[in-house]
Amino acid sequence: MCALCGVLTDGPHWTEAGTDAGRSDEAPTGRERHLERTRRLALLNRVLGAYGCTADDWAGAQYMVHRRSGGATEMAADLPTLWAAVESLVGYAPDPLDPALVARLEAIPAAGGRAAGRRT
């Protein structure tokens, strides 16, 4: 899909169906969608930090993936292409489900004082 088509599509990519973006059958309002995307980016950035990368929102439809050292940036339309962008930037395939990474992230309190993956 070209970048313009990615901006024009409405709603989450099908690969985000298991995320907070796709957890409801009801269509989210623009505000709810923005808040969900902001939360998803915060979680993504916790994981991406282990790979020396960060992600930002671009027009509510794509991600800008940055490498902290070197300043390289790639665009990603959805979560699968985000991981491909990280691989391109760091030179190896990231494993966001690596048990050691998951354990480390669970041990570090998330923003707001909650542990990762725990809801209050």
C-alpha atoms as a PDB file:
ATOM      1  CA  MET A   1       0.000   0.000   0.000  1.00  0.00           C
ATOM      2  CA  CYS A   2       1.312   3.457  -0.807  1.00  0.00           C
ATOM      3  CA  ALA A   3       1.747   6.067   1.914  1.00  0.00           C
ATOM      4  CA  LEU A   4      -1.201   8.134   0.691  1.00  0.00           C
ATOM      5  CA  CYS A   5      -3.566   5.140   0.773  1.00  0.00           C
ATOM      6  CA  GLY A   6      -2.406   4.419   4.316  1.00  0.00           C
ATOM      7  CA  VAL A   7      -3.374   7.914   5.368  1.00  0.00           C
ATOM      8  CA  LEU A   8      -6.775   7.719   3.699  1.00  0.00           C
ATOM      9  CA  THR A   9      -7.857   4.390   5.200  1.00  0.00           C
ATOM     10  CA  ASP A  10     -10.252   4.600   8.121  1.00  0.00           C
ATOM     11  CA  GLY A  11      -9.851   2.306  11.116  1.00  0.00           C
ATOM     12  CA  PRO A  12      -7.093   0.039  12.354  1.00  0.00           C
ATOM     13  CA  HIS A  13      -5.170  -2.357  10.151  1.00  0.00           C
ATOM     14  CA  TRP A  14      -6.446  -5.937  10.426  1.00  0.00           C
ATOM     15  CA  THR A  15      -3.197  -6.959  12.142  1.00  0.00           C
ATOM     16  CA  GLU A  16      -4.091  -4.686  15.063  1.00  0.00           C
ATOM     17  CA  ALA A  17      -7.341  -6.595  15.699  1.00  0.00           C
ATOM     18  CA  GLY A  18      -5.868  -8.090  18.877  1.00  0.00           C
ATOM     19  CA  THR A  19      -4.720  -4.714  20.189  1.00  0.00           C
ATOM     20  CA  ASP A  20      -6.657  -2.001  21.932  1.00  0.00           C
ATOM     21  CA  ALA A  21      -7.356  -0.528  18.468  1.00  0.00           C
ATOM     22  CA  GLY A  22      -9.516  -3.466  17.478  1.00  0.00           C
ATOM     23  CA  ARG A  23     -10.915  -4.778  20.751  1.00  0.00           C
ATOM     24  CA  SER A  24     -14.421  -3.394  20.302  1.00  0.00           C
ATOM     25  CA  ASP A  25     -17.101  -3.979  17.706  1.00  0.00           C
ATOM     26  CA  GLU A  26     -18.185  -0.378  18.126  1.00  0.00           C
ATOM     27  CA  ALA A  27     -16.499   2.181  15.927  1.00  0.00           C
ATOM     28  CA  PRO A  28     -14.354   4.405  18.155  1.00  0.00           C
ATOM     29  CA  THR A  29     -14.699   8.158  17.959  1.00  0.00           C
ATOM     30  CA  GLY A  30     -11.761  10.168  16.671  1.00  0.00           C
ATOM     31  CA  ARG A  31     -10.775  11.055  20.226  1.00  0.00           C
ATOM     32  CA  GLU A  32     -10.961   7.426  21.426  1.00  0.00           C
ATOM     33  CA  ARG A  33      -8.965   6.243  18.437  1.00  0.00           C
ATOM     34  CA  HIS A  34      -6.308   8.890  19.108  1.00  0.00           C
ATOM     35  CA  LEU A  35      -6.086   7.928  22.796  1.00  0.00           C
ATOM     36  CA  GLU A  36      -5.836   4.215  21.947  1.00  0.00           C
ATOM     37  CA  ARG A  37      -3.089   4.920  19.429  1.00  0.00           C
ATOM     38  CA  THR A  38      -1.221   7.076  21.966  1.00  0.00           C
ATOM     39  CA  ARG A  39      -1.394   4.260  24.518  1.00  0.00           C
ATOM     40  CA  ARG A  40      -0.260   1.698  21.923  1.00  0.00           C
ATOM     41  CA  LEU A  41       2.689   3.926  21.002  1.00  0.00           C
ATOM     42  CA  ALA A  42       3.711   4.190  24.658  1.00  0.00           C
ATOM     43  CA  LEU A  43       3.718   0.392  24.943  1.00  0.00           C
ATOM     44  CA  LEU A  44       5.549   0.000  21.642  1.00  0.00           C
ATOM     45  CA  ASN A  45       8.203   2.494  22.715  1.00  0.00           C
ATOM     46  CA  ARG A  46       8.876   0.500  25.882  1.00  0.00           C
ATOM     47  CA  VAL A  47       9.673  -2.530  23.705  1.00  0.00           C
ATOM     48  CA  LEU A  48      11.447  -0.569  20.968  1.00  0.00           C
ATOM     49  CA  GLY A  49      13.759   0.991  23.554  1.00  0.00           C
ATOM     50  CA  ALA A  50      15.409  -2.414  23.963  1.00  0.00           C
ATOM     51  CA  TYR A  51      16.410  -2.168  20.298  1.00  0.00           C
ATOM     52  CA  GLY A  52      17.571   1.446  20.408  1.00  0.00           C
ATOM     53  CA  CYS A  53      14.518   2.650  18.507  1.00  0.00           C
ATOM     54  CA  THR A  54      11.435   4.783  19.063  1.00  0.00           C
ATOM     55  CA  ALA A  55       8.189   5.250  17.157  1.00  0.00           C
ATOM     56  CA  ASP A  56       5.997   8.297  16.645  1.00  0.00           C
ATOM     57  CA  ASP A  57       2.563   8.720  15.169  1.00  0.00           C
ATOM     58  CA  TRP A  58       2.262  10.195  11.702  1.00  0.00           C
ATOM     59  CA  ALA A  59      -1.150  11.557  10.741  1.00  0.00           C
ATOM     60  CA  GLY A  60      -2.905   8.960  12.906  1.00  0.00           C
ATOM     61  CA  ALA A  61      -2.358   6.382  10.187  1.00  0.00           C
ATOM     62  CA  GLN A  62       1.322   5.400  10.119  1.00  0.00           C
ATOM     63  CA  TYR A  63       4.310   5.076  12.388  1.00  0.00           C
ATOM     64  CA  MET A  64       7.649   6.837  12.029  1.00  0.00           C
ATOM     65  CA  VAL A  65      10.284   4.477  13.406  1.00  0.00           C
ATOM     66  CA  HIS A  66      13.543   6.142  14.467  1.00  0.00           C
ATOM     67  CA  ARG A  67      16.888   4.714  15.397  1.00  0.00           C
ATOM     68  CA  ARG A  68      18.230   6.646  18.390  1.00  0.00           C
ATOM     69  CA  SER A  69      21.828   6.547  17.209  1.00  0.00           C
ATOM     70  CA  GLY A  70      22.395   7.661  13.671  1.00  0.00           C
ATOM     71  CA  GLY A  71      19.040   9.348  13.228  1.00  0.00           C
ATOM     72  CA  ALA A  72      17.722   6.970  10.549  1.00  0.00           C
ATOM     73  CA  THR A  73      13.934   6.896  10.132  1.00  0.00           C
ATOM     74  CA  GLU A  74      11.538   4.568   8.328  1.00  0.00           C
ATOM     75  CA  MET A  75       7.797   4.755   7.812  1.00  0.00           C
ATOM     76  CA  ALA A  76       5.530   1.839   8.745  1.00  0.00           C
ATOM     77  CA  ALA A  77       1.853   1.553   7.884  1.00  0.00           C
ATOM     78  CA  ASP A  78       1.013  -1.062  10.528  1.00  0.00           C
ATOM     79  CA  LEU A  79       2.522  -3.344  13.180  1.00  0.00           C
ATOM     80  CA  PRO A  80       4.029  -5.946  10.789  1.00  0.00           C
ATOM     81  CA  THR A  81       5.815  -3.259   8.795  1.00  0.00           C
ATOM     82  CA  LEU A  82       6.879  -1.565  12.033  1.00  0.00           C
ATOM     83  CA  TRP A  83       8.827  -4.703  13.013  1.00  0.00           C
ATOM     84  CA  ALA A  84      10.296  -4.911   9.508  1.00  0.00           C
ATOM     85  CA  ALA A  85      11.384  -1.265   9.832  1.00  0.00           C
ATOM     86  CA  VAL A  86      13.052  -1.995  13.176  1.00  0.00           C
ATOM     87  CA  GLU A  87      14.880  -4.936  11.592  1.00  0.00           C
ATOM     88  CA  SER A  88      16.048  -2.703   8.761  1.00  0.00           C
ATOM     89  CA  LEU A  89      17.250  -0.024  11.176  1.00  0.00           C
ATOM     90  CA  VAL A  90      19.099  -2.262  13.641  1.00  0.00           C
ATOM     91  CA  GLY A  91      20.317  -4.965  11.248  1.00  0.00           C
ATOM     92  CA  TYR A  92      18.718  -7.993  12.925  1.00  0.00           C
ATOM     93  CA  ALA A  93      15.219  -9.331  13.532  1.00  0.00           C
ATOM     94  CA  PRO A  94      13.726  -8.044  16.792  1.00  0.00           C
ATOM     95  CA  ASP A  95      11.903 -10.522  19.009  1.00  0.00           C
ATOM     96  CA  PRO A  96       9.331  -8.610  21.073  1.00  0.00           C
ATOM     97  CA  LEU A  97       8.330 -11.904  22.741  1.00  0.00           C
ATOM     98  CA  ASP A  98      11.850 -12.776  23.894  1.00  0.00           C
ATOM     99  CA  PRO A  99      11.350 -14.116  27.459  1.00  0.00           C
ATOM    100  CA  ALA A 100      14.274 -12.092  28.831  1.00  0.00           C
ATOM    101  CA  LEU A 101      12.898  -8.872  27.307  1.00  0.00           C
ATOM    102  CA  VAL A 102       9.386  -9.570  28.590  1.00  0.00           C
ATOM    103  CA  ALA A 103      10.728 -10.269  32.096  1.00  0.00           C
ATOM    104  CA  ARG A 104      12.769  -7.046  32.032  1.00  0.00           C
ATOM    105  CA  LEU A 105       9.769  -4.993  30.874  1.00  0.00           C
ATOM    106  CA  GLU A 106       7.514  -6.528  33.522  1.00  0.00           C
ATOM    107  CA  ALA A 107      10.040  -5.621  36.219  1.00  0.00           C
ATOM    108  CA  ILE A 108      10.147  -1.929  35.205  1.00  0.00           C
ATOM    109  CA  PRO A 109       7.129   0.144  36.253  1.00  0.00           C
ATOM    110  CA  ALA A 110       5.248   1.637  33.316  1.00  0.00           C
ATOM    111  CA  ALA A 111       4.288   5.299  33.140  1.00  0.00           C
ATOM    112  CA  GLY A 112       1.843   6.093  35.887  1.00  0.00           C
ATOM    113  CA  GLY A 113       3.466   3.723  38.367  1.00  0.00           C
ATOM    114  CA  ARG A 114       1.841   0.523  37.102  1.00  0.00           C
ATOM    115  CA  ALA A 115       3.810  -2.553  36.132  1.00  0.00           C
ATOM    116  CA  ALA A 116       3.728  -3.440  32.461  1.00  0.00           C
ATOM    117  CA  GLY A 117       0.784  -5.566  31.474  1.00  0.00           C
ATOM    118  CA  ARG A 118      -1.128  -4.911  34.706  1.00  0.00           C
ATOM    119  CA  ARG A 119      -4.265  -2.838  34.714  1.00  0.00           C
ATOM    120  CA  THR A 120      -5.697  -1.155  37.748  1.00  0.00           C
END
